[in-house]
């Protein structure tokens, strides 16, 4: 029986992965709230960050198929949830979100 879940690895080249980590850190600087949810994290940003957030999420989703990204507009905020059913993904979620997960 084979496991059909995606493997936990980044498909970016090392230079691109490093740039992606920097882009996440730059975006996180604009977060107005961050917290742990079941299987991941929730980050809240001003709605003015929607375009930058969408672009970064699209790039990350193309690399990390083991993560689920949900972006929701809530009034004047945009909320990002990053989740995975695989506990091995928690270090990646923590790295991109800046939220410590155990």
PDB file of N, CA and C in Angstrom:
ATOM      1  N   UNK A   1       0.838  -1.168   0.000  1.00  0.00           N
ATOM      2  CA  UNK A   1       0.000   0.000   0.000  1.00  0.00           C
ATOM      3  C   UNK A   1       0.888   1.237   0.000  1.00  0.00           C
ATOM      4  N   UNK A   2       0.651   2.160  -0.917  1.00  0.00           N
ATOM      5  CA  UNK A   2       1.492   3.350  -0.998  1.00  0.00           C
ATOM      6  C   UNK A   2       0.790   4.534  -0.367  1.00  0.00           C
ATOM      7  N   UNK A   3       1.591   5.435   0.150  1.00  0.00           N
ATOM      8  CA  UNK A   3       1.079   6.658   0.761  1.00  0.00           C
ATOM      9  C   UNK A   3       0.983   7.714  -0.327  1.00  0.00           C
ATOM     10  N   UNK A   4      -0.206   8.283  -0.532  1.00  0.00           N
ATOM     11  CA  UNK A   4      -0.392   9.261  -1.594  1.00  0.00           C
ATOM     12  C   UNK A   4      -0.171  10.696  -1.115  1.00  0.00           C
ATOM     13  N   UNK A   5       0.202  10.885   0.156  1.00  0.00           N
ATOM     14  CA  UNK A   5       0.438  12.238   0.634  1.00  0.00           C
ATOM     15  C   UNK A   5       1.737  12.776   0.047  1.00  0.00           C
ATOM     16  N   UNK A   6       1.772  14.091  -0.208  1.00  0.00           N
ATOM     17  CA  UNK A   6       2.989  14.658  -0.793  1.00  0.00           C
ATOM     18  C   UNK A   6       4.146  14.583   0.185  1.00  0.00           C
ATOM     19  N   UNK A   7       5.344  14.456  -0.342  1.00  0.00           N
ATOM     20  CA  UNK A   7       6.513  14.392   0.526  1.00  0.00           C
ATOM     21  C   UNK A   7       6.852  15.788   1.041  1.00  0.00           C
ATOM     22  N   UNK A   8       7.585  15.812   2.135  1.00  0.00           N
ATOM     23  CA  UNK A   8       7.964  17.068   2.768  1.00  0.00           C
ATOM     24  C   UNK A   8       9.336  17.474   2.237  1.00  0.00           C
ATOM     25  N   UNK A   9       9.335  18.233   1.166  1.00  0.00           N
ATOM     26  CA  UNK A   9      10.584  18.818   0.681  1.00  0.00           C
ATOM     27  C   UNK A   9      10.276  19.987  -0.246  1.00  0.00           C
ATOM     28  N   UNK A  10      11.219  20.887  -0.277  1.00  0.00           N
ATOM     29  CA  UNK A  10      11.098  22.098  -1.081  1.00  0.00           C
ATOM     30  C   UNK A  10      11.610  21.815  -2.487  1.00  0.00           C
ATOM     31  N   UNK A  11      10.903  22.286  -3.489  1.00  0.00           N
ATOM     32  CA  UNK A  11      11.343  22.072  -4.868  1.00  0.00           C
ATOM     33  C   UNK A  11      12.050  23.286  -5.449  1.00  0.00           C
ATOM     34  N   UNK A  12      12.216  24.354  -4.650  1.00  0.00           N
ATOM     35  CA  UNK A  12      12.982  25.515  -5.108  1.00  0.00           C
ATOM     36  C   UNK A  12      14.460  25.174  -5.159  1.00  0.00           C
ATOM     37  N   UNK A  13      15.184  25.845  -6.038  1.00  0.00           N
ATOM     38  CA  UNK A  13      16.643  25.789  -6.006  1.00  0.00           C
ATOM     39  C   UNK A  13      17.085  26.509  -4.732  1.00  0.00           C
ATOM     40  N   UNK A  14      18.249  26.178  -4.175  1.00  0.00           N
ATOM     41  CA  UNK A  14      18.670  26.789  -2.909  1.00  0.00           C
ATOM     42  C   UNK A  14      18.627  28.327  -2.911  1.00  0.00           C
ATOM     43  N   UNK A  15      19.077  28.955  -3.973  1.00  0.00           N
ATOM     44  CA  UNK A  15      19.070  30.422  -4.038  1.00  0.00           C
ATOM     45  C   UNK A  15      17.640  30.956  -3.996  1.00  0.00           C
ATOM     46  N   UNK A  16      16.735  30.301  -4.730  1.00  0.00           N
ATOM     47  CA  UNK A  16      15.338  30.723  -4.743  1.00  0.00           C
ATOM     48  C   UNK A  16      14.672  30.477  -3.392  1.00  0.00           C
ATOM     49  N   UNK A  17      15.021  29.384  -2.736  1.00  0.00           N
ATOM     50  CA  UNK A  17      14.468  29.083  -1.413  1.00  0.00           C
ATOM     51  C   UNK A  17      14.902  30.145  -0.409  1.00  0.00           C
ATOM     52  N   UNK A  18      16.162  30.558  -0.475  1.00  0.00           N
ATOM     53  CA  UNK A  18      16.651  31.594   0.432  1.00  0.00           C
ATOM     54  C   UNK A  18      15.911  32.911   0.200  1.00  0.00           C
ATOM     55  N   UNK A  19      15.679  33.260  -1.056  1.00  0.00           N
ATOM     56  CA  UNK A  19      14.941  34.482  -1.385  1.00  0.00           C
ATOM     57  C   UNK A  19      13.503  34.388  -0.879  1.00  0.00           C
ATOM     58  N   UNK A  20      12.914  33.211  -0.975  1.00  0.00           N
ATOM     59  CA  UNK A  20      11.541  33.014  -0.506  1.00  0.00           C
ATOM     60  C   UNK A  20      11.451  33.219   1.005  1.00  0.00           C
ATOM     61  N   UNK A  21      12.413  32.718   1.744  1.00  0.00           N
ATOM     62  CA  UNK A  21      12.444  32.888   3.196  1.00  0.00           C
ATOM     63  C   UNK A  21      12.531  34.381   3.542  1.00  0.00           C
ATOM     64  N   UNK A  22      13.345  35.111   2.812  1.00  0.00           N
ATOM     65  CA  UNK A  22      13.465  36.562   3.030  1.00  0.00           C
ATOM     66  C   UNK A  22      12.148  37.253   2.713  1.00  0.00           C
ATOM     67  N   UNK A  23      11.495  36.852   1.626  1.00  0.00           N
ATOM     68  CA  UNK A  23      10.202  37.453   1.265  1.00  0.00           C
ATOM     69  C   UNK A  23       9.153  37.205   2.343  1.00  0.00           C
ATOM     70  N   UNK A  24       9.149  35.997   2.937  1.00  0.00           N
ATOM     71  CA  UNK A  24       8.212  35.709   4.029  1.00  0.00           C
ATOM     72  C   UNK A  24       8.519  36.606   5.226  1.00  0.00           C
ATOM     73  N   UNK A  25       9.795  36.779   5.553  1.00  0.00           N
ATOM     74  CA  UNK A  25      10.161  37.633   6.687  1.00  0.00           C
ATOM     75  C   UNK A  25       9.716  39.073   6.437  1.00  0.00           C
ATOM     76  N   UNK A  26       9.906  39.559   5.213  1.00  0.00           N
ATOM     77  CA  UNK A  26       9.471  40.915   4.872  1.00  0.00           C
ATOM     78  C   UNK A  26       7.956  41.059   5.018  1.00  0.00           C
ATOM     79  N   UNK A  27       7.216  40.053   4.552  1.00  0.00           N
ATOM     80  CA  UNK A  27       5.759  40.101   4.650  1.00  0.00           C
ATOM     81  C   UNK A  27       5.306  40.035   6.102  1.00  0.00           C
ATOM     82  N   UNK A  28       5.932  39.163   6.886  1.00  0.00           N
ATOM     83  CA  UNK A  28       5.566  39.010   8.300  1.00  0.00           C
ATOM     84  C   UNK A  28       5.691  40.309   9.074  1.00  0.00           C
ATOM     85  N   UNK A  29       6.581  41.180   8.646  1.00  0.00           N
ATOM     86  CA  UNK A  29       6.765  42.467   9.325  1.00  0.00           C
ATOM     87  C   UNK A  29       5.474  43.291   9.304  1.00  0.00           C
ATOM     88  N   UNK A  30       4.567  42.973   8.394  1.00  0.00           N
ATOM     89  CA  UNK A  30       3.304  43.698   8.264  1.00  0.00           C
ATOM     90  C   UNK A  30       2.143  43.005   8.982  1.00  0.00           C
ATOM     91  N   UNK A  31       2.392  41.844   9.570  1.00  0.00           N
ATOM     92  CA  UNK A  31       1.323  41.109  10.249  1.00  0.00           C
ATOM     93  C   UNK A  31       0.847  41.885  11.472  1.00  0.00           C
ATOM     94  N   UNK A  32      -0.464  41.900  11.646  1.00  0.00           N
ATOM     95  CA  UNK A  32      -1.050  42.565  12.814  1.00  0.00           C
ATOM     96  C   UNK A  32      -1.409  41.566  13.906  1.00  0.00           C
ATOM     97  N   UNK A  33      -1.431  40.293  13.565  1.00  0.00           N
ATOM     98  CA  UNK A  33      -1.710  39.234  14.536  1.00  0.00           C
ATOM     99  C   UNK A  33      -1.170  37.920  13.987  1.00  0.00           C
ATOM    100  N   UNK A  34      -0.795  37.039  14.901  1.00  0.00           N
ATOM    101  CA  UNK A  34      -0.310  35.708  14.526  1.00  0.00           C
ATOM    102  C   UNK A  34      -0.660  34.751  15.641  1.00  0.00           C
ATOM    103  N   UNK A  35      -1.052  33.543  15.273  1.00  0.00           N
ATOM    104  CA  UNK A  35      -1.382  32.560  16.293  1.00  0.00           C
ATOM    105  C   UNK A  35      -1.414  31.156  15.749  1.00  0.00           C
ATOM    106  N   UNK A  36      -1.424  30.229  16.661  1.00  0.00           N
ATOM    107  CA  UNK A  36      -1.445  28.815  16.336  1.00  0.00           C
ATOM    108  C   UNK A  36      -2.894  28.367  16.166  1.00  0.00           C
ATOM    109  N   UNK A  37      -3.145  27.576  15.132  1.00  0.00           N
ATOM    110  CA  UNK A  37      -4.427  26.907  14.918  1.00  0.00           C
ATOM    111  C   UNK A  37      -4.145  25.420  14.804  1.00  0.00           C
ATOM    112  N   UNK A  38      -5.187  24.617  14.766  1.00  0.00           N
ATOM    113  CA  UNK A  38      -4.981  23.179  14.615  1.00  0.00           C
ATOM    114  C   UNK A  38      -4.247  22.917  13.300  1.00  0.00           C
ATOM    115  N   UNK A  39      -3.139  22.219  13.363  1.00  0.00           N
ATOM    116  CA  UNK A  39      -2.324  21.839  12.202  1.00  0.00           C
ATOM    117  C   UNK A  39      -1.614  22.998  11.520  1.00  0.00           C
ATOM    118  N   UNK A  40      -1.485  24.163  12.190  1.00  0.00           N
ATOM    119  CA  UNK A  40      -0.791  25.252  11.521  1.00  0.00           C
ATOM    120  C   UNK A  40      -0.869  26.575  12.232  1.00  0.00           C
ATOM    121  N   UNK A  41      -0.905  27.642  11.418  1.00  0.00           N
ATOM    122  CA  UNK A  41      -0.895  29.002  11.950  1.00  0.00           C
ATOM    123  C   UNK A  41      -1.895  29.884  11.209  1.00  0.00           C
ATOM    124  N   UNK A  42      -2.227  30.996  11.872  1.00  0.00           N
ATOM    125  CA  UNK A  42      -3.075  32.017  11.250  1.00  0.00           C
ATOM    126  C   UNK A  42      -2.352  33.353  11.411  1.00  0.00           C
ATOM    127  N   UNK A  43      -2.190  34.058  10.299  1.00  0.00           N
ATOM    128  CA  UNK A  43      -1.589  35.386  10.297  1.00  0.00           C
ATOM    129  C   UNK A  43      -2.602  36.372   9.747  1.00  0.00           C
ATOM    130  N   UNK A  44      -2.672  37.542  10.348  1.00  0.00           N
ATOM    131  CA  UNK A  44      -3.588  38.585   9.893  1.00  0.00           C
ATOM    132  C   UNK A  44      -2.768  39.771   9.411  1.00  0.00           C
ATOM    133  N   UNK A  45      -3.181  40.315   8.264  1.00  0.00           N
ATOM    134  CA  UNK A  45      -2.498  41.442   7.641  1.00  0.00           C
ATOM    135  C   UNK A  45      -3.516  42.511   7.275  1.00  0.00           C
ATOM    136  N   UNK A  46      -3.059  43.759   7.117  1.00  0.00           N
ATOM    137  CA  UNK A  46      -3.950  44.777   6.564  1.00  0.00           C
ATOM    138  C   UNK A  46      -4.341  44.385   5.136  1.00  0.00           C
ATOM    139  N   UNK A  47      -5.544  44.733   4.735  1.00  0.00           N
ATOM    140  CA  UNK A  47      -6.024  44.384   3.391  1.00  0.00           C
ATOM    141  C   UNK A  47      -5.114  44.936   2.304  1.00  0.00           C
ATOM    142  N   UNK A  48      -4.359  45.983   2.598  1.00  0.00           N
ATOM    143  CA  UNK A  48      -3.435  46.548   1.604  1.00  0.00           C
ATOM    144  C   UNK A  48      -2.331  45.569   1.226  1.00  0.00           C
ATOM    145  N   UNK A  49      -2.151  44.518   2.005  1.00  0.00           N
ATOM    146  CA  UNK A  49      -1.109  43.512   1.731  1.00  0.00           C
ATOM    147  C   UNK A  49      -1.626  42.346   0.892  1.00  0.00           C
ATOM    148  N   UNK A  50      -2.879  42.393   0.456  1.00  0.00           N
ATOM    149  CA  UNK A  50      -3.496  41.259  -0.238  1.00  0.00           C
ATOM    150  C   UNK A  50      -2.719  40.834  -1.474  1.00  0.00           C
ATOM    151  N   UNK A  51      -2.350  41.769  -2.317  1.00  0.00           N
ATOM    152  CA  UNK A  51      -1.647  41.417  -3.562  1.00  0.00           C
ATOM    153  C   UNK A  51      -0.296  40.767  -3.270  1.00  0.00           C
ATOM    154  N   UNK A  52       0.482  41.347  -2.368  1.00  0.00           N
ATOM    155  CA  UNK A  52       1.781  40.775  -2.017  1.00  0.00           C
ATOM    156  C   UNK A  52       1.619  39.399  -1.382  1.00  0.00           C
ATOM    157  N   UNK A  53       0.613  39.252  -0.535  1.00  0.00           N
ATOM    158  CA  UNK A  53       0.352  37.970   0.108  1.00  0.00           C
ATOM    159  C   UNK A  53      -0.046  36.915  -0.912  1.00  0.00           C
ATOM    160  N   UNK A  54      -0.954  37.255  -1.805  1.00  0.00           N
ATOM    161  CA  UNK A  54      -1.390  36.300  -2.829  1.00  0.00           C
ATOM    162  C   UNK A  54      -0.223  35.831  -3.691  1.00  0.00           C
ATOM    163  N   UNK A  55       0.640  36.761  -4.075  1.00  0.00           N
ATOM    164  CA  UNK A  55       1.775  36.410  -4.938  1.00  0.00           C
ATOM    165  C   UNK A  55       2.731  35.467  -4.206  1.00  0.00           C
ATOM    166  N   UNK A  56       3.020  35.765  -2.941  1.00  0.00           N
ATOM    167  CA  UNK A  56       3.934  34.926  -2.173  1.00  0.00           C
ATOM    168  C   UNK A  56       3.330  33.547  -1.911  1.00  0.00           C
ATOM    169  N   UNK A  57       2.049  33.503  -1.606  1.00  0.00           N
ATOM    170  CA  UNK A  57       1.372  32.222  -1.377  1.00  0.00           C
ATOM    171  C   UNK A  57       1.394  31.374  -2.648  1.00  0.00           C
ATOM    172  N   UNK A  58       1.170  31.978  -3.797  1.00  0.00           N
ATOM    173  CA  UNK A  58       1.208  31.221  -5.054  1.00  0.00           C
ATOM    174  C   UNK A  58       2.582  30.603  -5.281  1.00  0.00           C
ATOM    175  N   UNK A  59       3.624  31.369  -5.039  1.00  0.00           N
ATOM    176  CA  UNK A  59       4.980  30.821  -5.197  1.00  0.00           C
ATOM    177  C   UNK A  59       5.229  29.684  -4.218  1.00  0.00           C
ATOM    178  N   UNK A  60       4.831  29.885  -2.962  1.00  0.00           N
ATOM    179  CA  UNK A  60       5.067  28.852  -1.941  1.00  0.00           C
ATOM    180  C   UNK A  60       4.260  27.592  -2.235  1.00  0.00           C
ATOM    181  N   UNK A  61       3.031  27.758  -2.666  1.00  0.00           N
ATOM    182  CA  UNK A  61       2.185  26.600  -2.983  1.00  0.00           C
ATOM    183  C   UNK A  61       2.763  25.790  -4.138  1.00  0.00           C
ATOM    184  N   UNK A  62       3.445  26.458  -5.071  1.00  0.00           N
ATOM    185  CA  UNK A  62       4.048  25.734  -6.202  1.00  0.00           C
ATOM    186  C   UNK A  62       5.228  24.890  -5.751  1.00  0.00           C
ATOM    187  N   UNK A  63       5.813  25.240  -4.628  1.00  0.00           N
ATOM    188  CA  UNK A  63       6.977  24.533  -4.105  1.00  0.00           C
ATOM    189  C   UNK A  63       6.601  23.491  -3.059  1.00  0.00           C
ATOM    190  N   UNK A  64       5.695  23.860  -2.193  1.00  0.00           N
ATOM    191  CA  UNK A  64       5.391  23.045  -1.006  1.00  0.00           C
ATOM    192  C   UNK A  64       3.971  22.495  -1.087  1.00  0.00           C
ATOM    193  N   UNK A  65       3.789  21.472  -1.880  1.00  0.00           N
ATOM    194  CA  UNK A  65       2.458  20.894  -2.067  1.00  0.00           C
ATOM    195  C   UNK A  65       1.934  20.226  -0.798  1.00  0.00           C
ATOM    196  N   UNK A  66       2.778  20.058   0.195  1.00  0.00           N
ATOM    197  CA  UNK A  66       2.360  19.445   1.456  1.00  0.00           C
ATOM    198  C   UNK A  66       1.692  20.451   2.394  1.00  0.00           C
ATOM    199  N   UNK A  67       1.644  21.727   1.976  1.00  0.00           N
ATOM    200  CA  UNK A  67       0.997  22.770   2.776  1.00  0.00           C
ATOM    201  C   UNK A  67      -0.319  23.193   2.133  1.00  0.00           C
ATOM    202  N   UNK A  68      -1.258  23.600   2.970  1.00  0.00           N
ATOM    203  CA  UNK A  68      -2.521  24.161   2.501  1.00  0.00           C
ATOM    204  C   UNK A  68      -2.564  25.619   2.927  1.00  0.00           C
ATOM    205  N   UNK A  69      -2.812  26.493   1.953  1.00  0.00           N
ATOM    206  CA  UNK A  69      -2.887  27.928   2.201  1.00  0.00           C
ATOM    207  C   UNK A  69      -4.321  28.383   1.968  1.00  0.00           C
ATOM    208  N   UNK A  70      -4.876  29.108   2.934  1.00  0.00           N
ATOM    209  CA  UNK A  70      -6.212  29.667   2.806  1.00  0.00           C
ATOM    210  C   UNK A  70      -6.109  31.160   3.087  1.00  0.00           C
ATOM    211  N   UNK A  71      -6.522  31.969   2.106  1.00  0.00           N
ATOM    212  CA  UNK A  71      -6.500  33.422   2.246  1.00  0.00           C
ATOM    213  C   UNK A  71      -7.948  33.902   2.245  1.00  0.00           C
ATOM    214  N   UNK A  72      -8.312  34.672   3.281  1.00  0.00           N
ATOM    215  CA  UNK A  72      -9.686  35.134   3.444  1.00  0.00           C
ATOM    216  C   UNK A  72      -9.696  36.621   3.765  1.00  0.00           C
ATOM    217  N   UNK A  73     -10.546  37.353   3.064  1.00  0.00           N
ATOM    218  CA  UNK A  73     -10.748  38.766   3.377  1.00  0.00           C
ATOM    219  C   UNK A  73     -11.773  38.866   4.504  1.00  0.00           C
ATOM    220  N   UNK A  74     -11.461  39.666   5.520  1.00  0.00           N
ATOM    221  CA  UNK A  74     -12.388  39.881   6.636  1.00  0.00           C
ATOM    222  C   UNK A  74     -12.417  41.375   6.937  1.00  0.00           C
ATOM    223  N   UNK A  75     -13.291  42.077   6.267  1.00  0.00           N
ATOM    224  CA  UNK A  75     -13.367  43.526   6.477  1.00  0.00           C
ATOM    225  C   UNK A  75     -12.122  44.211   5.962  1.00  0.00           C
ATOM    226  N   UNK A  76     -11.393  44.840   6.879  1.00  0.00           N
ATOM    227  CA  UNK A  76     -10.191  45.567   6.489  1.00  0.00           C
ATOM    228  C   UNK A  76      -8.925  44.744   6.647  1.00  0.00           C
ATOM    229  N   UNK A  77      -9.080  43.451   6.881  1.00  0.00           N
ATOM    230  CA  UNK A  77      -7.940  42.555   7.063  1.00  0.00           C
ATOM    231  C   UNK A  77      -7.965  41.441   6.029  1.00  0.00           C
ATOM    232  N   UNK A  78      -6.806  40.859   5.828  1.00  0.00           N
ATOM    233  CA  UNK A  78      -6.697  39.632   5.053  1.00  0.00           C
ATOM    234  C   UNK A  78      -6.030  38.613   5.983  1.00  0.00           C
ATOM    235  N   UNK A  79      -6.641  37.430   6.058  1.00  0.00           N
ATOM    236  CA  UNK A  79      -6.181  36.396   6.977  1.00  0.00           C
ATOM    237  C   UNK A  79      -5.600  35.240   6.163  1.00  0.00           C
ATOM    238  N   UNK A  80      -4.408  34.813   6.569  1.00  0.00           N
ATOM    239  CA  UNK A  80      -3.742  33.676   5.951  1.00  0.00           C
ATOM    240  C   UNK A  80      -3.680  32.548   6.961  1.00  0.00           C
ATOM    241  N   UNK A  81      -4.160  31.380   6.553  1.00  0.00           N
ATOM    242  CA  UNK A  81      -3.978  30.168   7.349  1.00  0.00           C
ATOM    243  C   UNK A  81      -3.083  29.231   6.560  1.00  0.00           C
ATOM    244  N   UNK A  82      -2.054  28.727   7.227  1.00  0.00           N
ATOM    245  CA  UNK A  82      -1.128  27.765   6.633  1.00  0.00           C
ATOM    246  C   UNK A  82      -1.230  26.506   7.475  1.00  0.00           C
ATOM    247  N   UNK A  83      -1.583  25.397   6.822  1.00  0.00           N
ATOM    248  CA  UNK A  83      -1.825  24.157   7.557  1.00  0.00           C
ATOM    249  C   UNK A  83      -1.241  22.960   6.814  1.00  0.00           C
ATOM    250  N   UNK A  84      -1.074  21.884   7.561  1.00  0.00           N
ATOM    251  CA  UNK A  84      -0.711  20.599   6.982  1.00  0.00           C
ATOM    252  C   UNK A  84      -1.156  19.508   7.942  1.00  0.00           C
ATOM    253  N   UNK A  85      -1.669  18.430   7.398  1.00  0.00           N
ATOM    254  CA  UNK A  85      -2.037  17.282   8.205  1.00  0.00           C
ATOM    255  C   UNK A  85      -0.835  16.448   8.611  1.00  0.00           C
ATOM    256  N   UNK A  86       0.335  16.776   8.073  1.00  0.00           N
ATOM    257  CA  UNK A  86       1.556  16.031   8.372  1.00  0.00           C
ATOM    258  C   UNK A  86       2.370  16.792   9.416  1.00  0.00           C
ATOM    259  N   UNK A  87       2.569  16.228  10.592  1.00  0.00           N
ATOM    260  CA  UNK A  87       3.342  16.929  11.625  1.00  0.00           C
ATOM    261  C   UNK A  87       4.775  17.233  11.199  1.00  0.00           C
ATOM    262  N   UNK A  88       5.293  16.524  10.217  1.00  0.00           N
ATOM    263  CA  UNK A  88       6.636  16.804   9.713  1.00  0.00           C
ATOM    264  C   UNK A  88       6.711  18.146   8.987  1.00  0.00           C
ATOM    265  N   UNK A  89       5.563  18.718   8.655  1.00  0.00           N
ATOM    266  CA  UNK A  89       5.525  20.023   7.977  1.00  0.00           C
ATOM    267  C   UNK A  89       5.594  21.187   8.957  1.00  0.00           C
ATOM    268  N   UNK A  90       5.443  20.930  10.245  1.00  0.00           N
ATOM    269  CA  UNK A  90       5.420  22.018  11.222  1.00  0.00           C
ATOM    270  C   UNK A  90       6.669  22.896  11.198  1.00  0.00           C
ATOM    271  N   UNK A  91       7.881  22.343  11.040  1.00  0.00           N
ATOM    272  CA  UNK A  91       9.055  23.228  10.967  1.00  0.00           C
ATOM    273  C   UNK A  91       8.978  24.187   9.760  1.00  0.00           C
ATOM    274  N   UNK A  92       8.464  23.726   8.655  1.00  0.00           N
ATOM    275  CA  UNK A  92       8.326  24.598   7.476  1.00  0.00           C
ATOM    276  C   UNK A  92       7.304  25.688   7.751  1.00  0.00           C
ATOM    277  N   UNK A  93       6.178  25.302   8.337  1.00  0.00           N
ATOM    278  CA  UNK A  93       5.145  26.295   8.669  1.00  0.00           C
ATOM    279  C   UNK A  93       5.709  27.321   9.641  1.00  0.00           C
ATOM    280  N   UNK A  94       6.451  26.878  10.629  1.00  0.00           N
ATOM    281  CA  UNK A  94       7.066  27.781  11.596  1.00  0.00           C
ATOM    282  C   UNK A  94       8.063  28.726  10.917  1.00  0.00           C
ATOM    283  N   UNK A  95       8.850  28.198  10.000  1.00  0.00           N
ATOM    284  CA  UNK A  95       9.856  29.007   9.296  1.00  0.00           C
ATOM    285  C   UNK A  95       9.202  30.122   8.500  1.00  0.00           C
ATOM    286  N   UNK A  96       8.172  29.800   7.730  1.00  0.00           N
ATOM    287  CA  UNK A  96       7.578  30.836   6.884  1.00  0.00           C
ATOM    288  C   UNK A  96       6.676  31.793   7.659  1.00  0.00           C
ATOM    289  N   UNK A  97       6.114  31.327   8.769  1.00  0.00           N
ATOM    290  CA  UNK A  97       5.180  32.164   9.522  1.00  0.00           C
ATOM    291  C   UNK A  97       5.838  32.953  10.648  1.00  0.00           C
ATOM    292  N   UNK A  98       6.966  32.456  11.129  1.00  0.00           N
ATOM    293  CA  UNK A  98       7.599  33.087  12.273  1.00  0.00           C
ATOM    294  C   UNK A  98       6.922  32.729  13.601  1.00  0.00           C
ATOM    295  N   UNK A  99       6.029  31.768  13.575  1.00  0.00           N
ATOM    296  CA  UNK A  99       5.303  31.332  14.771  1.00  0.00           C
ATOM    297  C   UNK A  99       5.902  30.007  15.225  1.00  0.00           C
ATOM    298  N   UNK A 100       6.324  29.950  16.482  1.00  0.00           N
ATOM    299  CA  UNK A 100       6.901  28.717  17.024  1.00  0.00           C
ATOM    300  C   UNK A 100       5.828  27.651  17.187  1.00  0.00           C
ATOM    301  N   UNK A 101       6.082  26.489  16.625  1.00  0.00           N
ATOM    302  CA  UNK A 101       5.174  25.346  16.739  1.00  0.00           C
ATOM    303  C   UNK A 101       5.922  24.199  17.371  1.00  0.00           C
ATOM    304  N   UNK A 102       5.228  23.401  18.167  1.00  0.00           N
ATOM    305  CA  UNK A 102       5.909  22.247  18.795  1.00  0.00           C
ATOM    306  C   UNK A 102       5.435  20.960  18.205  1.00  0.00           C
TER     307      UNK A 102
END
